[in-house]
N, C-alpha and C. Protein backbone atom coordinates (compact mmCIF):
# COMPACT_ATOMS: atom_id res chain seq x y z
N UNK A 1 -34.35 31.96 8.89
CA UNK A 1 -33.54 31.41 10.05
C UNK A 1 -33.68 29.83 10.24
N UNK A 2 -34.92 29.52 9.96
CA UNK A 2 -35.29 28.04 10.03
C UNK A 2 -34.40 27.17 9.07
N UNK A 3 -34.05 27.59 7.89
CA UNK A 3 -33.34 26.86 6.99
C UNK A 3 -31.87 26.78 7.51
N UNK A 4 -31.45 27.79 8.24
CA UNK A 4 -30.05 27.57 8.79
C UNK A 4 -30.06 26.58 9.96
N UNK A 5 -31.06 26.64 10.88
CA UNK A 5 -31.25 25.75 11.95
C UNK A 5 -31.36 24.23 11.35
N UNK A 6 -32.14 24.15 10.42
CA UNK A 6 -32.30 22.83 9.74
C UNK A 6 -30.97 22.22 9.18
N UNK A 7 -30.23 23.13 8.49
CA UNK A 7 -29.03 22.79 7.88
C UNK A 7 -27.95 22.38 8.96
N UNK A 8 -27.93 23.17 10.09
CA UNK A 8 -26.95 22.91 11.20
C UNK A 8 -27.42 21.47 11.83
N UNK A 9 -28.80 21.53 12.06
CA UNK A 9 -29.21 20.01 12.62
C UNK A 9 -28.81 18.96 11.78
N UNK A 10 -28.86 19.04 10.42
CA UNK A 10 -28.44 17.95 9.55
C UNK A 10 -27.10 17.87 9.58
N UNK A 11 -26.36 18.75 9.52
CA UNK A 11 -24.85 18.75 9.42
C UNK A 11 -24.22 18.05 10.71
N UNK A 12 -24.77 18.10 11.66
CA UNK A 12 -24.48 17.70 13.09
C UNK A 12 -24.88 16.26 13.34
N UNK A 13 -25.83 15.79 12.41
CA UNK A 13 -26.39 14.63 12.57
C UNK A 13 -25.41 13.37 12.40
N UNK A 14 -25.35 12.25 13.06
CA UNK A 14 -24.35 11.27 12.78
C UNK A 14 -24.60 10.61 11.43
N UNK A 15 -25.83 10.44 11.01
CA UNK A 15 -25.96 9.80 9.66
C UNK A 15 -25.58 10.79 8.43
N UNK A 16 -25.40 11.92 8.84
CA UNK A 16 -24.68 12.97 7.78
C UNK A 16 -23.18 12.58 7.68
N UNK A 17 -22.58 12.27 8.77
CA UNK A 17 -21.24 12.02 8.71
C UNK A 17 -21.08 10.60 8.05
N UNK A 18 -21.98 9.65 8.27
CA UNK A 18 -21.96 8.41 7.73
C UNK A 18 -22.22 8.58 6.16
N UNK A 19 -23.00 9.30 5.83
CA UNK A 19 -23.41 9.40 4.28
C UNK A 19 -22.08 10.03 3.44
N UNK A 20 -21.48 11.10 4.07
CA UNK A 20 -20.28 11.65 3.59
C UNK A 20 -19.23 10.82 3.56
N UNK A 21 -18.91 10.17 4.58
CA UNK A 21 -17.87 9.08 4.67
C UNK A 21 -18.12 7.98 3.66
N UNK A 22 -19.16 7.35 3.54
CA UNK A 22 -19.53 6.32 2.56
C UNK A 22 -19.26 6.75 1.12
N UNK A 23 -20.01 7.82 0.80
CA UNK A 23 -19.95 8.48 -0.42
C UNK A 23 -18.53 8.70 -0.91
N UNK A 24 -17.72 9.43 0.00
CA UNK A 24 -16.40 9.76 -0.30
C UNK A 24 -15.56 8.51 -0.47
N UNK A 25 -15.63 7.45 0.48
CA UNK A 25 -14.77 6.34 0.18
C UNK A 25 -15.16 5.57 -1.17
N UNK A 26 -16.25 5.51 -1.37
CA UNK A 26 -16.74 5.12 -2.68
C UNK A 26 -16.21 5.55 -3.77
N UNK A 27 -16.43 6.80 -3.74
CA UNK A 27 -15.80 7.71 -4.99
C UNK A 27 -14.35 7.69 -5.06
N UNK A 28 -13.57 7.68 -4.04
CA UNK A 28 -12.08 7.61 -3.96
C UNK A 28 -11.76 6.26 -4.47
N UNK A 29 -12.35 5.20 -3.88
CA UNK A 29 -11.94 3.97 -4.49
C UNK A 29 -12.16 3.72 -5.82
N UNK A 30 -13.27 4.02 -6.43
CA UNK A 30 -13.60 3.90 -7.74
C UNK A 30 -12.70 4.70 -8.62
N UNK A 31 -12.35 5.85 -8.11
CA UNK A 31 -11.47 6.61 -9.01
C UNK A 31 -10.09 6.23 -9.03
N UNK A 32 -9.61 5.71 -7.87
CA UNK A 32 -8.33 5.04 -7.83
C UNK A 32 -8.20 3.97 -8.74
N UNK A 33 -9.32 2.92 -8.74
CA UNK A 33 -9.34 1.75 -9.57
C UNK A 33 -9.26 2.22 -11.10
N UNK A 34 -10.03 3.21 -11.44
CA UNK A 34 -10.05 3.64 -12.80
C UNK A 34 -8.79 4.13 -13.23
N UNK A 35 -7.98 5.01 -12.34
CA UNK A 35 -6.63 5.43 -12.56
C UNK A 35 -5.76 4.22 -12.89
N UNK A 36 -5.77 3.28 -12.10
CA UNK A 36 -5.03 2.08 -12.13
C UNK A 36 -5.22 1.44 -13.49
N UNK A 37 -6.34 1.19 -13.84
CA UNK A 37 -6.74 0.73 -15.12
C UNK A 37 -6.33 1.42 -16.27
N UNK A 38 -6.54 2.80 -16.16
CA UNK A 38 -6.25 3.64 -17.42
C UNK A 38 -4.68 3.77 -17.50
N UNK A 39 -3.97 4.13 -16.36
CA UNK A 39 -2.61 4.35 -16.39
C UNK A 39 -1.78 3.06 -16.65
N UNK A 40 -2.36 1.91 -16.38
CA UNK A 40 -1.66 0.60 -16.51
C UNK A 40 -1.88 0.48 -17.95
N UNK A 41 -2.90 0.60 -18.64
CA UNK A 41 -2.99 0.57 -20.17
C UNK A 41 -2.06 1.46 -20.76
N UNK A 42 -2.00 2.70 -20.42
CA UNK A 42 -0.91 3.65 -20.89
C UNK A 42 0.54 3.23 -20.77
N UNK A 43 0.70 2.68 -19.57
CA UNK A 43 2.07 2.11 -19.28
C UNK A 43 2.46 0.96 -20.24
N UNK A 44 1.50 0.02 -20.43
CA UNK A 44 1.79 -0.99 -21.33
C UNK A 44 2.14 -0.56 -22.69
N UNK A 45 1.24 0.48 -23.15
CA UNK A 45 1.46 1.14 -24.54
C UNK A 45 2.86 1.79 -24.48
N UNK A 46 3.30 2.33 -23.41
CA UNK A 46 4.64 3.02 -23.61
C UNK A 46 5.79 2.01 -23.45
N UNK A 47 5.70 1.06 -22.53
CA UNK A 47 6.75 0.21 -22.35
C UNK A 47 6.77 -1.32 -22.95
N UNK A 48 5.60 -1.68 -23.32
CA UNK A 48 5.53 -3.11 -23.88
C UNK A 48 4.43 -2.98 -25.07
N UNK A 49 4.75 -2.18 -26.06
CA UNK A 49 3.69 -2.02 -27.16
C UNK A 49 3.79 -3.34 -28.01
N UNK A 50 4.84 -4.04 -27.87
CA UNK A 50 4.80 -5.39 -28.67
C UNK A 50 3.79 -6.45 -28.08
N UNK A 51 3.46 -6.26 -26.87
CA UNK A 51 2.57 -7.03 -26.22
C UNK A 51 1.12 -6.82 -26.86
N UNK A 52 0.74 -5.61 -27.03
CA UNK A 52 -0.50 -5.17 -27.70
C UNK A 52 -0.55 -5.47 -29.06
N UNK A 53 0.59 -5.78 -29.83
CA UNK A 53 0.49 -6.07 -31.24
C UNK A 53 0.48 -7.56 -31.41
N UNK A 54 0.28 -8.36 -30.36
CA UNK A 54 0.08 -9.69 -30.58
C UNK A 54 -1.42 -10.02 -31.28
N UNK A 55 -1.27 -10.71 -32.39
CA UNK A 55 -2.68 -10.89 -33.10
C UNK A 55 -3.54 -11.86 -32.22
N UNK A 56 -4.81 -11.65 -32.31
CA UNK A 56 -5.84 -12.42 -31.55
C UNK A 56 -5.88 -13.89 -31.98
N UNK A 57 -5.58 -14.11 -33.28
CA UNK A 57 -5.40 -15.40 -33.86
C UNK A 57 -4.52 -15.65 -35.08
N UNK A 58 -4.05 -16.54 -35.43
CA UNK A 58 -3.12 -16.77 -36.58
C UNK A 58 -3.66 -16.12 -37.89
N UNK A 59 -2.95 -15.19 -38.42
CA UNK A 59 -3.41 -14.45 -39.55
C UNK A 59 -4.28 -13.40 -39.45
N UNK A 60 -4.79 -13.07 -38.20
CA UNK A 60 -5.68 -12.02 -37.94
C UNK A 60 -5.09 -10.76 -37.82
N UNK A 61 -5.77 -9.66 -38.30
CA UNK A 61 -5.24 -8.32 -38.45
C UNK A 61 -5.61 -7.68 -37.01
N UNK A 62 -6.58 -8.18 -36.34
CA UNK A 62 -7.10 -7.68 -35.07
C UNK A 62 -6.09 -7.98 -33.98
N UNK A 63 -5.42 -7.05 -33.17
CA UNK A 63 -4.49 -7.44 -32.10
C UNK A 63 -5.16 -7.46 -30.73
N UNK A 64 -4.44 -7.99 -29.83
CA UNK A 64 -4.98 -7.97 -28.44
C UNK A 64 -5.22 -6.65 -28.04
N UNK A 65 -4.55 -5.57 -28.56
CA UNK A 65 -4.63 -4.22 -28.10
C UNK A 65 -6.19 -3.78 -28.12
N UNK A 66 -6.75 -4.15 -29.09
CA UNK A 66 -8.17 -3.80 -29.28
C UNK A 66 -9.15 -4.03 -28.29
N UNK A 67 -9.32 -5.44 -28.03
CA UNK A 67 -10.14 -5.78 -26.71
C UNK A 67 -9.67 -5.34 -25.41
N UNK A 68 -8.30 -5.05 -25.27
CA UNK A 68 -7.97 -4.45 -23.89
C UNK A 68 -8.21 -3.09 -23.91
N UNK A 69 -8.17 -2.41 -24.93
CA UNK A 69 -8.69 -0.84 -25.18
C UNK A 69 -10.14 -0.71 -24.90
N UNK A 70 -10.86 -1.73 -25.49
CA UNK A 70 -12.38 -1.70 -25.17
C UNK A 70 -12.59 -1.97 -23.76
N UNK A 71 -11.81 -2.79 -23.08
CA UNK A 71 -12.06 -3.21 -21.75
C UNK A 71 -11.90 -2.01 -20.89
N UNK A 72 -10.95 -1.22 -21.18
CA UNK A 72 -10.64 0.03 -20.48
C UNK A 72 -11.93 0.83 -20.53
N UNK A 73 -12.53 0.96 -21.73
CA UNK A 73 -13.59 1.87 -21.80
C UNK A 73 -14.86 1.34 -21.01
N UNK A 74 -15.13 -0.02 -21.19
CA UNK A 74 -15.97 -0.79 -20.52
C UNK A 74 -15.93 -0.54 -19.15
N UNK A 75 -14.80 -0.77 -18.44
CA UNK A 75 -14.56 -0.55 -17.16
C UNK A 75 -15.08 0.77 -16.53
N UNK A 76 -14.80 1.71 -17.31
CA UNK A 76 -15.20 3.27 -16.92
C UNK A 76 -16.80 3.35 -16.82
N UNK A 77 -17.46 2.52 -17.74
CA UNK A 77 -18.75 2.44 -17.77
C UNK A 77 -19.43 1.59 -16.48
N UNK A 78 -18.77 0.42 -16.29
CA UNK A 78 -19.11 -0.32 -15.15
C UNK A 78 -18.92 0.30 -13.79
N UNK A 79 -17.75 1.15 -13.62
CA UNK A 79 -17.41 1.74 -12.49
C UNK A 79 -18.46 2.83 -12.19
N UNK A 80 -18.91 3.49 -13.26
CA UNK A 80 -19.77 4.58 -13.14
C UNK A 80 -21.28 3.93 -12.85
N UNK A 81 -21.62 2.84 -13.41
CA UNK A 81 -22.87 2.17 -13.01
C UNK A 81 -22.88 1.68 -11.62
N UNK A 82 -21.71 1.38 -11.27
CA UNK A 82 -21.57 0.92 -9.60
C UNK A 82 -21.88 1.99 -8.66
N UNK A 83 -21.18 3.18 -9.18
CA UNK A 83 -21.41 4.49 -8.29
C UNK A 83 -22.87 4.92 -8.41
N UNK A 84 -23.48 4.89 -9.53
CA UNK A 84 -25.00 5.29 -9.75
C UNK A 84 -25.99 4.45 -8.96
N UNK A 85 -25.57 3.14 -8.95
CA UNK A 85 -26.47 2.18 -8.29
C UNK A 85 -26.39 2.46 -6.83
N UNK A 86 -25.25 2.57 -6.24
CA UNK A 86 -25.15 2.72 -4.68
C UNK A 86 -25.65 4.12 -4.39
N UNK A 87 -25.63 5.03 -5.29
CA UNK A 87 -26.16 6.39 -4.98
C UNK A 87 -27.58 6.48 -5.06
N UNK A 88 -28.28 5.55 -5.92
CA UNK A 88 -29.69 5.64 -5.98
C UNK A 88 -30.31 4.54 -4.94
N UNK A 89 -29.59 3.94 -4.26
CA UNK A 89 -30.14 2.80 -3.21
C UNK A 89 -29.64 3.36 -1.97
N UNK A 90 -28.45 3.09 -1.68
CA UNK A 90 -27.93 3.12 -0.08
C UNK A 90 -27.72 4.59 0.11
N UNK A 91 -27.23 5.48 -0.80
CA UNK A 91 -27.06 7.01 -0.43
C UNK A 91 -28.49 7.68 -0.34
N UNK A 92 -29.31 7.23 -1.13
CA UNK A 92 -30.66 7.94 -1.21
C UNK A 92 -31.34 7.57 0.07
N UNK A 93 -31.24 6.35 0.38
CA UNK A 93 -32.09 5.79 1.59
C UNK A 93 -31.33 6.62 2.75
N UNK A 94 -30.12 6.64 2.95
CA UNK A 94 -29.49 7.38 4.03
C UNK A 94 -29.92 8.83 4.10
N UNK A 95 -29.99 9.47 2.76
CA UNK A 95 -30.45 10.85 2.73
C UNK A 95 -31.88 10.98 3.21
N UNK A 96 -32.72 10.19 2.79
CA UNK A 96 -34.11 10.25 3.26
C UNK A 96 -34.24 10.06 4.72
N UNK A 97 -33.57 8.97 5.26
CA UNK A 97 -33.48 8.93 6.76
C UNK A 97 -32.97 10.09 7.45
N UNK A 98 -32.01 10.68 6.96
CA UNK A 98 -31.29 11.88 7.62
C UNK A 98 -32.36 13.04 7.56
N UNK A 99 -33.07 13.17 6.48
CA UNK A 99 -34.01 14.35 6.42
C UNK A 99 -35.11 14.22 7.37
N UNK A 100 -35.76 12.91 7.38
CA UNK A 100 -36.91 12.51 8.36
C UNK A 100 -36.47 12.86 9.75
N UNK A 101 -35.27 12.28 9.99
CA UNK A 101 -34.80 12.37 11.45
C UNK A 101 -34.56 13.82 11.92
N UNK A 102 -34.12 14.59 10.95
CA UNK A 102 -33.81 16.02 11.20
C UNK A 102 -35.00 17.02 11.31
N UNK A 103 -36.31 16.50 10.89
CA UNK A 103 -37.50 17.45 10.92
C UNK A 103 -38.03 17.53 12.26
């Protein structure tokens, strides 16, 4: 019974609502940004493939599409890193405070 009371106490705490709100806003923002980057790249492939076929330099076999594609992949890694950093700092701190105050 004490676990249920503890959970109810945590769930009704204002810091719990703050944690859920901040975490959700960050996750949705980063997900939306990743979708814009990814689908933007796909749309360029679909509607302007000649842009991605531009060589990086005169006589080069490598086209501008390669670094842009790598940029899409790296952006996913960076956005994941941003979420992990915030989760390990701000969200963990809020969680610790919430648990301490709910005791």
